[in-house]
């Protein structure tokens, strides 16, 4: 019986030593994995915060241009909803700027017509050049005309801004800092 007891005792010691060494080895392997998991978690938190800031910026920009807000239900199902919304914003804003350009040109031509007599067909082809002058002289004249028209043009543009631009709003998308 004594031999049997010693055998079991030694077997238990060997088994416990074996398990301790296995657990120590596992612990050594788990520590780097824990560090890596913590790093990935921190990076993911940063990405989520950035995603939230982008979502806020897109919503603010959409609201300031009086566009439809993002569909929150679709965002959970699709990872590329922000990209889609940015593409939509880009195309819509391009259309709005083009409309603003056309509105400005049309209004400027209407102002010219309101008190002056010009052949609007000729004016619609751009600046009238003096055929007795060189290209360089006409270019210099063009720049002088643009310089002379800057202040009155600025005044005129301000009159039409309410028709073209959305109202100014503050944005919460910059995270409280200056953007």
C-alpha atoms as a PDB file:
ATOM      1  CA  UNK A   1       0.000   0.000   0.000  1.00  0.00           C
ATOM      2  CA  UNK A   2       2.853   2.316   0.798  1.00  0.00           C
ATOM      3  CA  UNK A   3       4.283   1.770  -2.674  1.00  0.00           C
ATOM      4  CA  UNK A   4       0.974   2.491  -4.232  1.00  0.00           C
ATOM      5  CA  UNK A   5       0.633   5.664  -2.211  1.00  0.00           C
ATOM      6  CA  UNK A   6       4.130   6.791  -3.260  1.00  0.00           C
ATOM      7  CA  UNK A   7       3.371   5.984  -6.862  1.00  0.00           C
ATOM      8  CA  UNK A   8       0.196   8.059  -6.798  1.00  0.00           C
ATOM      9  CA  UNK A   9       1.967  10.836  -5.017  1.00  0.00           C
ATOM     10  CA  UNK A  10       4.762  10.939  -7.586  1.00  0.00           C
ATOM     11  CA  UNK A  11       2.248  10.651 -10.407  1.00  0.00           C
ATOM     12  CA  UNK A  12       0.280  13.549  -8.975  1.00  0.00           C
ATOM     13  CA  UNK A  13       3.458  15.587  -8.632  1.00  0.00           C
ATOM     14  CA  UNK A  14       4.490  14.823 -12.218  1.00  0.00           C
ATOM     15  CA  UNK A  15       1.008  15.615 -13.514  1.00  0.00           C
ATOM     16  CA  UNK A  16       0.772  18.830 -11.530  1.00  0.00           C
ATOM     17  CA  UNK A  17       4.239  19.884 -12.728  1.00  0.00           C
ATOM     18  CA  UNK A  18       3.200  19.078 -16.273  1.00  0.00           C
ATOM     19  CA  UNK A  19      -0.009  21.117 -15.987  1.00  0.00           C
ATOM     20  CA  UNK A  20       1.812  24.036 -14.361  1.00  0.00           C
ATOM     21  CA  UNK A  21       4.361  24.107 -17.193  1.00  0.00           C
ATOM     22  CA  UNK A  22       1.565  23.881 -19.775  1.00  0.00           C
ATOM     23  CA  UNK A  23      -0.365  26.705 -18.100  1.00  0.00           C
ATOM     24  CA  UNK A  24       2.771  28.863 -17.816  1.00  0.00           C
ATOM     25  CA  UNK A  25       3.428  28.262 -21.519  1.00  0.00           C
ATOM     26  CA  UNK A  26      -0.148  29.170 -22.360  1.00  0.00           C
ATOM     27  CA  UNK A  27       0.110  32.284 -20.209  1.00  0.00           C
ATOM     28  CA  UNK A  28       3.278  33.313 -22.050  1.00  0.00           C
ATOM     29  CA  UNK A  29       1.492  32.842 -25.362  1.00  0.00           C
ATOM     30  CA  UNK A  30      -1.659  34.643 -24.189  1.00  0.00           C
ATOM     31  CA  UNK A  31       0.088  37.830 -23.001  1.00  0.00           C
ATOM     32  CA  UNK A  32       1.103  39.015 -26.501  1.00  0.00           C
ATOM     33  CA  UNK A  33      -2.360  38.095 -27.785  1.00  0.00           C
ATOM     34  CA  UNK A  34      -3.934  40.200 -25.022  1.00  0.00           C
ATOM     35  CA  UNK A  35      -1.709  43.157 -25.890  1.00  0.00           C
ATOM     36  CA  UNK A  36      -2.615  42.773 -29.567  1.00  0.00           C
ATOM     37  CA  UNK A  37      -6.334  42.515 -28.730  1.00  0.00           C
ATOM     38  CA  UNK A  38      -6.163  45.677 -26.603  1.00  0.00           C
ATOM     39  CA  UNK A  39      -4.402  47.512 -29.421  1.00  0.00           C
ATOM     40  CA  UNK A  40      -7.013  46.354 -31.949  1.00  0.00           C
ATOM     41  CA  UNK A  41      -9.785  47.417 -29.568  1.00  0.00           C
ATOM     42  CA  UNK A  42      -8.259  50.909 -29.200  1.00  0.00           C
ATOM     43  CA  UNK A  43      -7.872  51.201 -32.964  1.00  0.00           C
ATOM     44  CA  UNK A  44     -11.469  50.098 -33.474  1.00  0.00           C
ATOM     45  CA  UNK A  45     -12.690  52.696 -30.960  1.00  0.00           C
ATOM     46  CA  UNK A  46     -10.803  55.349 -32.920  1.00  0.00           C
ATOM     47  CA  UNK A  47     -12.357  54.166 -36.193  1.00  0.00           C
ATOM     48  CA  UNK A  48     -15.838  54.228 -34.654  1.00  0.00           C
ATOM     49  CA  UNK A  49     -15.243  57.775 -33.368  1.00  0.00           C
ATOM     50  CA  UNK A  50     -14.007  58.870 -36.802  1.00  0.00           C
ATOM     51  CA  UNK A  51     -17.019  57.208 -38.433  1.00  0.00           C
ATOM     52  CA  UNK A  52     -19.334  59.096 -36.064  1.00  0.00           C
ATOM     53  CA  UNK A  53     -17.600  62.410 -36.854  1.00  0.00           C
ATOM     54  CA  UNK A  54     -17.903  61.732 -40.598  1.00  0.00           C
ATOM     55  CA  UNK A  55     -21.564  60.850 -40.204  1.00  0.00           C
ATOM     56  CA  UNK A  56     -22.141  64.124 -38.312  1.00  0.00           C
ATOM     57  CA  UNK A  57     -20.213  66.150 -40.909  1.00  0.00           C
ATOM     58  CA  UNK A  58     -22.188  64.597 -43.762  1.00  0.00           C
ATOM     59  CA  UNK A  59     -25.483  65.190 -41.957  1.00  0.00           C
ATOM     60  CA  UNK A  60     -24.565  68.809 -41.210  1.00  0.00           C
ATOM     61  CA  UNK A  61     -23.473  69.417 -44.799  1.00  0.00           C
ATOM     62  CA  UNK A  62     -26.647  67.808 -46.131  1.00  0.00           C
ATOM     63  CA  UNK A  63     -28.783  69.912 -43.808  1.00  0.00           C
ATOM     64  CA  UNK A  64     -26.986  73.143 -44.712  1.00  0.00           C
ATOM     65  CA  UNK A  65     -27.671  72.510 -48.401  1.00  0.00           C
ATOM     66  CA  UNK A  66     -31.240  71.417 -47.623  1.00  0.00           C
ATOM     67  CA  UNK A  67     -30.688  67.871 -48.877  1.00  0.00           C
ATOM     68  CA  UNK A  68     -32.370  64.741 -47.621  1.00  0.00           C
ATOM     69  CA  UNK A  69     -30.733  63.411 -44.448  1.00  0.00           C
ATOM     70  CA  UNK A  70     -28.944  60.071 -44.432  1.00  0.00           C
ATOM     71  CA  UNK A  71     -31.174  57.026 -43.992  1.00  0.00           C
ATOM     72  CA  UNK A  72     -30.063  55.736 -40.589  1.00  0.00           C
ATOM     73  CA  UNK A  73     -31.703  52.318 -41.118  1.00  0.00           C
ATOM     74  CA  UNK A  74     -29.568  51.606 -44.204  1.00  0.00           C
ATOM     75  CA  UNK A  75     -26.311  52.515 -42.443  1.00  0.00           C
ATOM     76  CA  UNK A  76     -26.434  49.529 -40.129  1.00  0.00           C
ATOM     77  CA  UNK A  77     -26.935  47.138 -43.012  1.00  0.00           C
ATOM     78  CA  UNK A  78     -24.337  48.599 -45.382  1.00  0.00           C
ATOM     79  CA  UNK A  79     -20.758  49.494 -44.585  1.00  0.00           C
ATOM     80  CA  UNK A  80     -20.404  51.796 -47.572  1.00  0.00           C
ATOM     81  CA  UNK A  81     -23.334  54.100 -46.739  1.00  0.00           C
ATOM     82  CA  UNK A  82     -21.000  57.006 -45.922  1.00  0.00           C
ATOM     83  CA  UNK A  83     -19.211  56.622 -49.255  1.00  0.00           C
ATOM     84  CA  UNK A  84     -22.547  56.562 -51.070  1.00  0.00           C
ATOM     85  CA  UNK A  85     -23.690  59.668 -49.199  1.00  0.00           C
ATOM     86  CA  UNK A  86     -20.451  61.517 -50.027  1.00  0.00           C
ATOM     87  CA  UNK A  87     -20.807  60.633 -53.719  1.00  0.00           C
ATOM     88  CA  UNK A  88     -24.393  61.875 -53.645  1.00  0.00           C
ATOM     89  CA  UNK A  89     -23.307  65.106 -51.931  1.00  0.00           C
ATOM     90  CA  UNK A  90     -20.539  65.668 -54.479  1.00  0.00           C
ATOM     91  CA  UNK A  91     -22.863  65.238 -57.441  1.00  0.00           C
ATOM     92  CA  UNK A  92     -25.619  67.345 -55.883  1.00  0.00           C
ATOM     93  CA  UNK A  93     -23.300  70.164 -54.866  1.00  0.00           C
ATOM     94  CA  UNK A  94     -21.752  70.167 -58.338  1.00  0.00           C
ATOM     95  CA  UNK A  95     -25.240  70.602 -59.801  1.00  0.00           C
ATOM     96  CA  UNK A  96     -25.971  73.402 -57.340  1.00  0.00           C
ATOM     97  CA  UNK A  97     -22.732  75.228 -58.163  1.00  0.00           C
ATOM     98  CA  UNK A  98     -23.434  74.864 -61.887  1.00  0.00           C
ATOM     99  CA  UNK A  99     -26.925  76.264 -61.295  1.00  0.00           C
ATOM    100  CA  UNK A 100     -25.370  79.142 -59.338  1.00  0.00           C
ATOM    101  CA  UNK A 101     -23.002  79.886 -62.195  1.00  0.00           C
ATOM    102  CA  UNK A 102     -25.851  79.927 -64.691  1.00  0.00           C
ATOM    103  CA  UNK A 103     -27.971  82.057 -62.373  1.00  0.00           C
ATOM    104  CA  UNK A 104     -25.118  84.526 -61.952  1.00  0.00           C
ATOM    105  CA  UNK A 105     -24.442  84.810 -65.645  1.00  0.00           C
ATOM    106  CA  UNK A 106     -28.136  85.156 -66.443  1.00  0.00           C
ATOM    107  CA  UNK A 107     -28.610  87.806 -63.759  1.00  0.00           C
ATOM    108  CA  UNK A 108     -25.521  89.716 -64.930  1.00  0.00           C
ATOM    109  CA  UNK A 109     -26.803  89.723 -68.483  1.00  0.00           C
ATOM    110  CA  UNK A 110     -30.206  90.892 -67.241  1.00  0.00           C
ATOM    111  CA  UNK A 111     -28.539  93.741 -65.324  1.00  0.00           C
ATOM    112  CA  UNK A 112     -26.618  94.759 -68.438  1.00  0.00           C
ATOM    113  CA  UNK A 113     -29.840  94.686 -70.468  1.00  0.00           C
ATOM    114  CA  UNK A 114     -31.777  96.656 -67.882  1.00  0.00           C
ATOM    115  CA  UNK A 115     -30.212  99.984 -68.687  1.00  0.00           C
ATOM    116  CA  UNK A 116     -27.877  99.534 -71.604  1.00  0.00           C
ATOM    117  CA  UNK A 117     -28.159  98.490 -75.192  1.00  0.00           C
ATOM    118  CA  UNK A 118     -25.893  95.620 -76.146  1.00  0.00           C
ATOM    119  CA  UNK A 119     -26.262  92.880 -78.690  1.00  0.00           C
ATOM    120  CA  UNK A 120     -26.791  90.041 -76.177  1.00  0.00           C
ATOM    121  CA  UNK A 121     -25.852  87.455 -78.804  1.00  0.00           C
ATOM    122  CA  UNK A 122     -22.415  89.038 -79.058  1.00  0.00           C
ATOM    123  CA  UNK A 123     -22.119  89.382 -75.266  1.00  0.00           C
ATOM    124  CA  UNK A 124     -23.049  85.716 -74.802  1.00  0.00           C
ATOM    125  CA  UNK A 125     -19.892  84.671 -76.667  1.00  0.00           C
ATOM    126  CA  UNK A 126     -17.716  86.310 -73.982  1.00  0.00           C
ATOM    127  CA  UNK A 127     -15.551  89.412 -74.126  1.00  0.00           C
ATOM    128  CA  UNK A 128     -15.563  91.488 -77.277  1.00  0.00           C
ATOM    129  CA  UNK A 129     -12.040  91.907 -78.612  1.00  0.00           C
ATOM    130  CA  UNK A 130     -10.717  94.816 -80.598  1.00  0.00           C
ATOM    131  CA  UNK A 131      -9.596  93.417 -83.947  1.00  0.00           C
ATOM    132  CA  UNK A 132      -7.198  96.337 -84.420  1.00  0.00           C
ATOM    133  CA  UNK A 133      -5.230  95.261 -81.329  1.00  0.00           C
ATOM    134  CA  UNK A 134      -2.819  92.379 -80.765  1.00  0.00           C
ATOM    135  CA  UNK A 135      -3.720  89.366 -78.656  1.00  0.00           C
ATOM    136  CA  UNK A 136      -1.482  90.681 -75.858  1.00  0.00           C
ATOM    137  CA  UNK A 137      -3.221  94.088 -75.922  1.00  0.00           C
ATOM    138  CA  UNK A 138      -6.639  92.438 -75.872  1.00  0.00           C
ATOM    139  CA  UNK A 139      -5.523  90.231 -72.971  1.00  0.00           C
ATOM    140  CA  UNK A 140      -4.342  93.320 -71.072  1.00  0.00           C
ATOM    141  CA  UNK A 141      -7.684  95.031 -71.801  1.00  0.00           C
ATOM    142  CA  UNK A 142      -9.538  91.941 -70.575  1.00  0.00           C
ATOM    143  CA  UNK A 143      -7.654  91.957 -67.265  1.00  0.00           C
ATOM    144  CA  UNK A 144      -8.324  95.690 -66.854  1.00  0.00           C
ATOM    145  CA  UNK A 145     -12.061  95.103 -67.482  1.00  0.00           C
ATOM    146  CA  UNK A 146     -12.110  92.292 -64.925  1.00  0.00           C
ATOM    147  CA  UNK A 147     -10.314  94.502 -62.379  1.00  0.00           C
ATOM    148  CA  UNK A 148     -12.764  97.360 -63.006  1.00  0.00           C
ATOM    149  CA  UNK A 149     -15.753  95.025 -62.668  1.00  0.00           C
ATOM    150  CA  UNK A 150     -14.582  93.375 -59.429  1.00  0.00           C
ATOM    151  CA  UNK A 151     -16.089  95.793 -56.873  1.00  0.00           C
ATOM    152  CA  UNK A 152     -19.411  96.336 -58.693  1.00  0.00           C
ATOM    153  CA  UNK A 153     -19.559  92.609 -59.436  1.00  0.00           C
ATOM    154  CA  UNK A 154     -19.070  91.829 -55.752  1.00  0.00           C
ATOM    155  CA  UNK A 155     -21.924  94.172 -54.835  1.00  0.00           C
ATOM    156  CA  UNK A 156     -24.162  92.594 -57.476  1.00  0.00           C
ATOM    157  CA  UNK A 157     -23.258  89.060 -56.386  1.00  0.00           C
ATOM    158  CA  UNK A 158     -24.195  89.850 -52.779  1.00  0.00           C
ATOM    159  CA  UNK A 159     -27.673  90.845 -53.978  1.00  0.00           C
ATOM    160  CA  UNK A 160     -28.175  87.399 -55.533  1.00  0.00           C
ATOM    161  CA  UNK A 161     -26.551  85.309 -52.752  1.00  0.00           C
ATOM    162  CA  UNK A 162     -29.886  84.512 -51.032  1.00  0.00           C
ATOM    163  CA  UNK A 163     -31.103  82.936 -54.289  1.00  0.00           C
ATOM    164  CA  UNK A 164     -28.021  80.739 -54.661  1.00  0.00           C
ATOM    165  CA  UNK A 165     -26.473  79.917 -51.288  1.00  0.00           C
ATOM    166  CA  UNK A 166     -27.990  77.956 -48.430  1.00  0.00           C
ATOM    167  CA  UNK A 167     -28.134  79.698 -45.059  1.00  0.00           C
ATOM    168  CA  UNK A 168     -24.954  79.451 -42.982  1.00  0.00           C
ATOM    169  CA  UNK A 169     -25.052  76.998 -40.086  1.00  0.00           C
ATOM    170  CA  UNK A 170     -22.525  75.904 -37.469  1.00  0.00           C
ATOM    171  CA  UNK A 171     -21.109  72.390 -37.681  1.00  0.00           C
ATOM    172  CA  UNK A 172     -20.630  69.978 -34.819  1.00  0.00           C
ATOM    173  CA  UNK A 173     -18.548  67.634 -36.973  1.00  0.00           C
ATOM    174  CA  UNK A 174     -15.174  69.097 -36.080  1.00  0.00           C
ATOM    175  CA  UNK A 175     -15.168  67.577 -32.614  1.00  0.00           C
ATOM    176  CA  UNK A 176     -15.127  70.965 -30.882  1.00  0.00           C
ATOM    177  CA  UNK A 177     -11.821  72.134 -32.361  1.00  0.00           C
ATOM    178  CA  UNK A 178     -11.162  74.550 -35.135  1.00  0.00           C
ATOM    179  CA  UNK A 179     -11.592  73.114 -38.614  1.00  0.00           C
END
